[in-house]
Amino acid sequence: MLTVDDDEFWQSMSRVEFGDLPTLQDAVTVVGYPIGGDTISVTSSVVSRIEILSYVHGSTELLGLQIDVAMADLHLMVKETM
């Protein structure tokens, strides 16, 4: 957890606003690091599943989204993880 001793630090900050959660078949853009990758990856797809998943690194459950990925993108991700 990040803490700041001086409350004045926050005075010039503005909040990050997030939009609504996507629903099934909504178009989304995903940015992240594929397993085994060293550089950032960006892909666009649609939401194919929404479910609650157990979080491996903590004792909690979180909302998870599954996306459909084009085969060309999937092939690229698989090659990067080898």
Protein backbone atom coordinates (compact mmCIF):
# COMPACT_ATOMS: atom_id res chain seq x y z
CA MET A 1 0.00 0.00 0.00
CA LEU A 2 1.33 3.40 -0.98
CA THR A 3 1.13 6.07 1.69
CA VAL A 4 2.04 9.74 1.58
CA ASP A 5 2.84 11.71 4.72
CA ASP A 6 1.81 15.12 3.38
CA ASP A 7 -1.87 15.51 2.36
CA GLU A 8 -0.86 18.43 0.14
CA PHE A 9 0.53 15.86 -2.29
CA TRP A 10 -3.04 14.89 -3.29
CA GLN A 11 -4.34 18.44 -3.92
CA SER A 12 -3.32 18.60 -7.60
CA MET A 13 -4.37 15.02 -8.34
CA SER A 14 -7.54 14.05 -10.17
CA ARG A 15 -9.36 10.73 -9.88
CA VAL A 16 -9.17 8.06 -12.51
CA GLU A 17 -12.65 7.33 -13.79
CA PHE A 18 -13.49 3.92 -15.17
CA GLY A 19 -16.36 3.21 -17.53
CA ASP A 20 -19.02 0.58 -17.15
CA LEU A 21 -18.08 -3.10 -17.10
CA PRO A 22 -18.32 -4.76 -20.51
CA THR A 23 -21.10 -7.24 -21.21
CA LEU A 24 -21.14 -10.36 -23.38
CA GLN A 25 -20.17 -9.70 -27.00
CA ASP A 26 -18.86 -6.18 -26.20
CA ALA A 27 -15.74 -5.22 -28.14
CA VAL A 28 -12.72 -4.75 -25.85
CA THR A 29 -9.02 -3.95 -26.18
CA VAL A 30 -6.68 -5.87 -23.88
CA VAL A 31 -3.23 -4.61 -22.92
CA GLY A 32 -0.79 -6.73 -20.92
CA TYR A 33 2.11 -9.14 -20.86
CA PRO A 34 1.49 -12.64 -22.25
CA ILE A 35 2.86 -15.52 -20.17
CA GLY A 36 6.54 -15.81 -20.96
CA GLY A 37 6.61 -12.49 -22.81
CA ASP A 38 9.01 -9.64 -22.12
CA THR A 39 7.15 -6.87 -23.94
CA ILE A 40 3.67 -5.44 -23.82
CA SER A 41 1.00 -6.99 -26.04
CA VAL A 42 -2.22 -5.38 -27.32
CA THR A 43 -5.16 -7.21 -28.90
CA SER A 44 -8.82 -6.49 -29.62
CA SER A 45 -11.63 -9.01 -29.27
CA VAL A 46 -15.10 -9.54 -27.82
CA VAL A 47 -16.13 -10.70 -24.35
CA SER A 48 -17.25 -14.34 -24.52
CA ARG A 49 -17.61 -15.17 -20.80
CA ILE A 50 -18.03 -13.32 -17.50
CA GLU A 51 -17.61 -15.22 -14.24
CA ILE A 52 -16.32 -15.03 -10.68
CA LEU A 53 -12.86 -16.64 -10.35
CA SER A 54 -10.79 -17.62 -7.32
CA TYR A 55 -7.72 -15.39 -7.08
CA VAL A 56 -4.62 -17.58 -6.75
CA HIS A 57 -2.51 -15.05 -4.79
CA GLY A 58 -5.10 -14.25 -2.16
CA SER A 59 -8.10 -15.62 -0.38
CA THR A 60 -10.70 -13.84 -2.47
CA GLU A 61 -12.79 -14.12 -5.60
CA LEU A 62 -12.71 -11.57 -8.42
CA LEU A 63 -14.65 -10.87 -11.59
CA GLY A 64 -13.03 -12.52 -14.62
CA LEU A 65 -13.63 -11.89 -18.31
CA GLN A 66 -12.77 -14.29 -21.09
CA ILE A 67 -12.24 -12.97 -24.60
CA ASP A 68 -12.26 -14.59 -28.02
CA VAL A 69 -8.97 -14.13 -29.83
CA ALA A 70 -8.34 -14.54 -33.55
CA MET A 71 -6.20 -17.57 -34.42
CA ALA A 72 -3.40 -15.36 -35.78
CA ASP A 73 -3.19 -13.56 -32.43
CA LEU A 74 -3.33 -16.86 -30.54
CA HIS A 75 -0.50 -18.28 -32.66
CA LEU A 76 1.60 -15.19 -31.93
CA MET A 77 1.00 -15.54 -28.17
CA VAL A 78 1.88 -19.25 -28.22
CA LYS A 79 5.12 -18.57 -30.10
CA GLU A 80 6.05 -15.89 -27.54
CA THR A 81 5.61 -18.29 -24.62
CA MET A 82 7.91 -20.98 -26.04
